[in-house]
Amino acid sequence: MDTEAAVPLACAPGAIPADERPAHFALAAELFGTGVRERRALEDGYAFAFDAAWLERVMRFVHNERRCCPFLEFGITVSAAEGPVWLRLAGPRGTRAFLDAELGR
C-alpha cells in the first residue's frame, strides 16, 4: 500500500480524547521546548535527542501523537548506559515542513 496516497499529511487533534488533549499539548511543548538536546534533519523528517530520564515522556507523546497524526512514522532508540533517547519523526513528502510549522525550528 502506498502510505503517501493513503494517509493525508494532516493532523486531527480530535483523535485524542478531549480530556487528554491539554496534557498532550503541554507535554509536546515541554518535549520540544526544553527537552530536546539535539535535532537532526533527516530526508523525511527529524530525529530528536532527549536525556535518558525523558524516556517515559517521549513514549507517552508517541502514544497520543500517533492517533492524531497517522501519517507519521515514529522510531525510539534507547542508547546504552543512560545515553540519550532518540525520537525519529518521519513520513511522506512534506513531513519536515509540517514538523517545522508544528514544532517550530
N, C-alpha and C. Protein backbone atom coordinates (compact mmCIF):
# COMPACT_ATOMS: atom_id res chain seq x y z
N MET A 1 0.83 -1.18 0.00
CA MET A 1 0.00 0.00 0.00
C MET A 1 0.87 1.24 0.00
N ASP A 2 0.53 2.23 -0.77
CA ASP A 2 1.26 3.48 -0.83
C ASP A 2 0.78 4.39 0.29
N THR A 3 1.58 4.48 1.37
CA THR A 3 1.19 5.26 2.54
C THR A 3 0.97 6.72 2.17
N GLU A 4 1.80 7.26 1.29
CA GLU A 4 1.68 8.67 0.92
C GLU A 4 0.32 8.96 0.30
N ALA A 5 -0.21 8.05 -0.49
CA ALA A 5 -1.50 8.26 -1.12
C ALA A 5 -2.64 7.94 -0.17
N ALA A 6 -2.43 6.99 0.74
CA ALA A 6 -3.50 6.51 1.61
C ALA A 6 -3.74 7.39 2.83
N VAL A 7 -2.71 8.02 3.37
CA VAL A 7 -2.84 8.80 4.59
C VAL A 7 -2.46 10.25 4.30
N PRO A 8 -3.42 11.18 4.44
CA PRO A 8 -3.11 12.58 4.15
C PRO A 8 -2.16 13.18 5.17
N LEU A 9 -1.38 14.14 4.73
CA LEU A 9 -0.43 14.85 5.58
C LEU A 9 -1.22 15.91 6.34
N ALA A 10 -1.93 15.47 7.37
CA ALA A 10 -2.78 16.37 8.16
C ALA A 10 -2.89 15.83 9.57
N CYS A 11 -3.06 16.74 10.49
CA CYS A 11 -3.23 16.38 11.89
C CYS A 11 -4.70 16.47 12.25
N ALA A 12 -5.16 15.55 13.06
CA ALA A 12 -6.55 15.54 13.52
C ALA A 12 -6.55 15.52 15.04
N PRO A 13 -6.40 16.70 15.68
CA PRO A 13 -6.32 16.75 17.15
C PRO A 13 -7.51 16.11 17.83
N GLY A 14 -8.67 16.09 17.16
CA GLY A 14 -9.86 15.47 17.73
C GLY A 14 -9.73 13.97 17.94
N ALA A 15 -8.70 13.36 17.36
CA ALA A 15 -8.48 11.92 17.55
C ALA A 15 -8.00 11.61 18.96
N ILE A 16 -7.48 12.62 19.64
CA ILE A 16 -7.11 12.47 21.05
C ILE A 16 -8.33 12.90 21.86
N PRO A 17 -8.77 12.07 22.80
CA PRO A 17 -9.95 12.45 23.59
C PRO A 17 -9.80 13.85 24.21
N ALA A 18 -10.88 14.59 24.21
CA ALA A 18 -10.87 15.99 24.66
C ALA A 18 -10.25 16.15 26.04
N ASP A 19 -10.51 15.22 26.95
CA ASP A 19 -9.97 15.37 28.30
C ASP A 19 -8.46 15.09 28.37
N GLU A 20 -7.89 14.50 27.32
CA GLU A 20 -6.45 14.22 27.28
C GLU A 20 -5.66 15.25 26.48
N ARG A 21 -6.34 16.04 25.67
CA ARG A 21 -5.66 16.99 24.77
C ARG A 21 -4.80 18.02 25.50
N PRO A 22 -5.30 18.71 26.54
CA PRO A 22 -4.44 19.72 27.19
C PRO A 22 -3.12 19.13 27.69
N ALA A 23 -3.17 17.96 28.30
CA ALA A 23 -1.95 17.33 28.80
C ALA A 23 -1.02 16.95 27.66
N HIS A 24 -1.58 16.47 26.55
CA HIS A 24 -0.75 16.09 25.40
C HIS A 24 -0.06 17.32 24.81
N PHE A 25 -0.79 18.40 24.63
CA PHE A 25 -0.19 19.60 24.06
C PHE A 25 0.84 20.21 25.01
N ALA A 26 0.59 20.13 26.32
CA ALA A 26 1.58 20.61 27.29
C ALA A 26 2.84 19.75 27.24
N LEU A 27 2.66 18.44 27.11
CA LEU A 27 3.80 17.54 27.00
C LEU A 27 4.61 17.83 25.75
N ALA A 28 3.94 18.03 24.62
CA ALA A 28 4.64 18.36 23.37
C ALA A 28 5.43 19.65 23.52
N ALA A 29 4.83 20.65 24.15
CA ALA A 29 5.53 21.92 24.35
C ALA A 29 6.76 21.73 25.23
N GLU A 30 6.64 20.90 26.25
CA GLU A 30 7.77 20.62 27.13
C GLU A 30 8.87 19.86 26.39
N LEU A 31 8.48 18.79 25.69
CA LEU A 31 9.46 17.99 24.96
C LEU A 31 10.25 18.81 23.96
N PHE A 32 9.52 19.54 23.11
CA PHE A 32 10.19 20.24 22.01
C PHE A 32 10.58 21.66 22.37
N GLY A 33 10.23 22.08 23.58
CA GLY A 33 10.66 23.39 24.07
C GLY A 33 11.94 23.28 24.86
N THR A 34 11.87 22.58 25.99
CA THR A 34 13.04 22.49 26.88
C THR A 34 13.71 21.12 26.87
N GLY A 35 13.03 20.09 26.38
CA GLY A 35 13.56 18.73 26.47
C GLY A 35 14.58 18.35 25.43
N VAL A 36 14.45 18.88 24.23
CA VAL A 36 15.33 18.46 23.12
C VAL A 36 16.76 18.90 23.39
N ARG A 37 17.68 17.94 23.29
CA ARG A 37 19.11 18.23 23.44
C ARG A 37 19.80 18.38 22.09
N GLU A 38 19.25 17.72 21.09
CA GLU A 38 19.83 17.79 19.74
C GLU A 38 18.72 17.50 18.74
N ARG A 39 18.83 18.13 17.58
CA ARG A 39 17.86 17.93 16.49
C ARG A 39 18.65 17.69 15.22
N ARG A 40 18.31 16.61 14.52
CA ARG A 40 18.99 16.29 13.25
C ARG A 40 17.95 16.21 12.14
N ALA A 41 18.20 16.93 11.07
CA ALA A 41 17.32 16.85 9.91
C ALA A 41 17.56 15.53 9.19
N LEU A 42 16.48 14.89 8.82
CA LEU A 42 16.51 13.67 8.02
C LEU A 42 15.84 13.98 6.69
N GLU A 43 16.04 13.15 5.72
CA GLU A 43 15.42 13.36 4.41
C GLU A 43 13.90 13.45 4.53
N ASP A 44 13.33 12.63 5.41
CA ASP A 44 11.87 12.55 5.51
C ASP A 44 11.32 13.02 6.85
N GLY A 45 12.12 13.76 7.63
CA GLY A 45 11.64 14.25 8.92
C GLY A 45 12.78 14.73 9.79
N TYR A 46 12.74 14.39 11.07
CA TYR A 46 13.75 14.81 12.03
C TYR A 46 14.01 13.70 13.04
N ALA A 47 15.18 13.76 13.66
CA ALA A 47 15.49 12.94 14.83
C ALA A 47 15.82 13.91 15.96
N PHE A 48 15.27 13.62 17.14
CA PHE A 48 15.45 14.48 18.30
C PHE A 48 16.06 13.65 19.43
N ALA A 49 17.06 14.22 20.11
CA ALA A 49 17.69 13.55 21.24
C ALA A 49 17.19 14.17 22.54
N PHE A 50 16.92 13.29 23.52
CA PHE A 50 16.49 13.70 24.85
C PHE A 50 17.36 12.99 25.87
N ASP A 51 17.48 13.56 27.06
CA ASP A 51 18.18 12.87 28.14
C ASP A 51 17.43 11.58 28.47
N ALA A 52 18.15 10.58 28.98
CA ALA A 52 17.57 9.28 29.29
C ALA A 52 16.35 9.38 30.20
N ALA A 53 16.34 10.32 31.09
CA ALA A 53 15.24 10.47 32.04
C ALA A 53 13.92 10.85 31.36
N TRP A 54 13.97 11.24 30.10
CA TRP A 54 12.78 11.67 29.37
C TRP A 54 12.09 10.51 28.64
N LEU A 55 12.58 9.31 28.76
CA LEU A 55 12.04 8.18 28.00
C LEU A 55 10.53 8.02 28.18
N GLU A 56 10.05 8.02 29.40
CA GLU A 56 8.62 7.82 29.64
C GLU A 56 7.80 8.92 28.98
N ARG A 57 8.26 10.16 29.03
CA ARG A 57 7.53 11.27 28.40
C ARG A 57 7.53 11.13 26.88
N VAL A 58 8.66 10.71 26.32
CA VAL A 58 8.73 10.50 24.87
C VAL A 58 7.73 9.42 24.45
N MET A 59 7.69 8.33 25.20
CA MET A 59 6.77 7.25 24.88
C MET A 59 5.30 7.68 25.01
N ARG A 60 5.01 8.47 26.03
CA ARG A 60 3.64 8.97 26.22
C ARG A 60 3.25 9.88 25.05
N PHE A 61 4.19 10.73 24.60
CA PHE A 61 3.94 11.60 23.46
C PHE A 61 3.61 10.78 22.22
N VAL A 62 4.42 9.77 21.94
CA VAL A 62 4.20 8.93 20.76
C VAL A 62 2.85 8.22 20.85
N HIS A 63 2.51 7.72 22.02
CA HIS A 63 1.24 7.02 22.20
C HIS A 63 0.05 7.88 21.73
N ASN A 64 0.04 9.14 22.09
CA ASN A 64 -1.07 10.02 21.68
C ASN A 64 -0.87 10.60 20.29
N GLU A 65 0.33 10.98 19.96
CA GLU A 65 0.57 11.66 18.69
C GLU A 65 0.25 10.77 17.50
N ARG A 66 0.45 9.49 17.64
CA ARG A 66 0.16 8.59 16.51
C ARG A 66 -1.33 8.52 16.22
N ARG A 67 -2.16 8.88 17.20
CA ARG A 67 -3.61 8.92 16.97
C ARG A 67 -3.99 10.13 16.12
N CYS A 68 -3.37 11.27 16.39
CA CYS A 68 -3.79 12.48 15.69
C CYS A 68 -2.99 12.75 14.41
N CYS A 69 -1.85 12.13 14.26
CA CYS A 69 -1.03 12.31 13.05
C CYS A 69 -0.69 10.93 12.46
N PRO A 70 -1.67 10.27 11.86
CA PRO A 70 -1.46 8.90 11.39
C PRO A 70 -0.45 8.76 10.25
N PHE A 71 -0.08 9.86 9.62
CA PHE A 71 0.91 9.82 8.54
C PHE A 71 2.33 9.70 9.07
N LEU A 72 2.54 10.01 10.36
CA LEU A 72 3.89 9.99 10.92
C LEU A 72 4.35 8.58 11.22
N GLU A 73 5.64 8.36 11.00
CA GLU A 73 6.32 7.14 11.43
C GLU A 73 7.18 7.54 12.62
N PHE A 74 7.15 6.73 13.67
CA PHE A 74 7.88 7.02 14.89
C PHE A 74 8.94 5.95 15.12
N GLY A 75 10.09 6.37 15.57
CA GLY A 75 11.14 5.45 15.97
C GLY A 75 11.74 5.95 17.26
N ILE A 76 11.87 5.06 18.24
CA ILE A 76 12.50 5.42 19.51
C ILE A 76 13.72 4.53 19.68
N THR A 77 14.86 5.15 19.89
CA THR A 77 16.10 4.43 20.15
C THR A 77 16.58 4.79 21.54
N VAL A 78 16.76 3.79 22.37
CA VAL A 78 17.23 3.99 23.73
C VAL A 78 18.70 3.57 23.77
N SER A 79 19.56 4.54 23.99
CA SER A 79 21.00 4.28 23.99
C SER A 79 21.43 3.56 25.26
N ALA A 80 22.55 2.86 25.17
CA ALA A 80 23.11 2.14 26.31
C ALA A 80 23.64 3.11 27.36
N ALA A 81 23.79 2.60 28.57
CA ALA A 81 24.47 3.31 29.65
C ALA A 81 23.89 4.70 29.91
N GLU A 82 22.56 4.77 29.97
CA GLU A 82 21.88 6.04 30.25
C GLU A 82 22.22 7.13 29.23
N GLY A 83 22.56 6.69 28.01
CA GLY A 83 22.78 7.64 26.92
C GLY A 83 21.45 8.22 26.47
N PRO A 84 21.47 9.04 25.44
CA PRO A 84 20.25 9.73 25.02
C PRO A 84 19.18 8.79 24.46
N VAL A 85 17.97 9.29 24.53
CA VAL A 85 16.82 8.67 23.88
C VAL A 85 16.59 9.46 22.60
N TRP A 86 16.56 8.76 21.48
CA TRP A 86 16.33 9.41 20.19
C TRP A 86 14.91 9.12 19.72
N LEU A 87 14.23 10.16 19.31
CA LEU A 87 12.89 10.04 18.73
C LEU A 87 12.98 10.46 17.27
N ARG A 88 12.61 9.55 16.38
CA ARG A 88 12.59 9.85 14.95
C ARG A 88 11.14 10.05 14.54
N LEU A 89 10.87 11.21 13.92
CA LEU A 89 9.57 11.51 13.35
C LEU A 89 9.77 11.64 11.85
N ALA A 90 9.11 10.81 11.08
CA ALA A 90 9.31 10.82 9.63
C ALA A 90 7.98 10.52 8.95
N GLY A 91 7.96 10.75 7.65
CA GLY A 91 6.74 10.48 6.90
C GLY A 91 6.89 10.82 5.43
N PRO A 92 5.76 10.98 4.76
CA PRO A 92 5.79 11.26 3.33
C PRO A 92 6.35 12.65 3.02
N ARG A 93 6.51 12.92 1.74
CA ARG A 93 7.00 14.22 1.28
C ARG A 93 6.20 15.33 1.97
N GLY A 94 6.90 16.33 2.49
CA GLY A 94 6.27 17.44 3.17
C GLY A 94 6.26 17.33 4.68
N THR A 95 6.67 16.18 5.20
CA THR A 95 6.64 15.96 6.65
C THR A 95 7.56 16.93 7.38
N ARG A 96 8.75 17.15 6.86
CA ARG A 96 9.68 18.05 7.56
C ARG A 96 9.12 19.45 7.65
N ALA A 97 8.52 19.96 6.58
CA ALA A 97 7.91 21.29 6.62
C ALA A 97 6.74 21.31 7.60
N PHE A 98 5.97 20.24 7.64
CA PHE A 98 4.86 20.14 8.60
C PHE A 98 5.40 20.20 10.03
N LEU A 99 6.46 19.44 10.31
CA LEU A 99 7.04 19.45 11.66
C LEU A 99 7.61 20.81 12.02
N ASP A 100 8.23 21.49 11.04
CA ASP A 100 8.72 22.86 11.29
C ASP A 100 7.58 23.77 11.73
N ALA A 101 6.45 23.66 11.06
CA ALA A 101 5.30 24.50 11.40
C ALA A 101 4.70 24.13 12.75
N GLU A 102 4.62 22.84 13.04
CA GLU A 102 4.00 22.39 14.29
C GLU A 102 4.91 22.51 15.51
N LEU A 103 6.18 22.22 15.34
CA LEU A 103 7.09 22.17 16.47
C LEU A 103 8.04 23.36 16.54
N GLY A 104 8.05 24.18 15.53
CA GLY A 104 8.99 25.29 15.48
C GLY A 104 10.34 24.82 15.01
N ARG A 105 11.17 25.76 14.66
CA ARG A 105 12.50 25.41 14.15
C ARG A 105 13.51 25.39 15.25
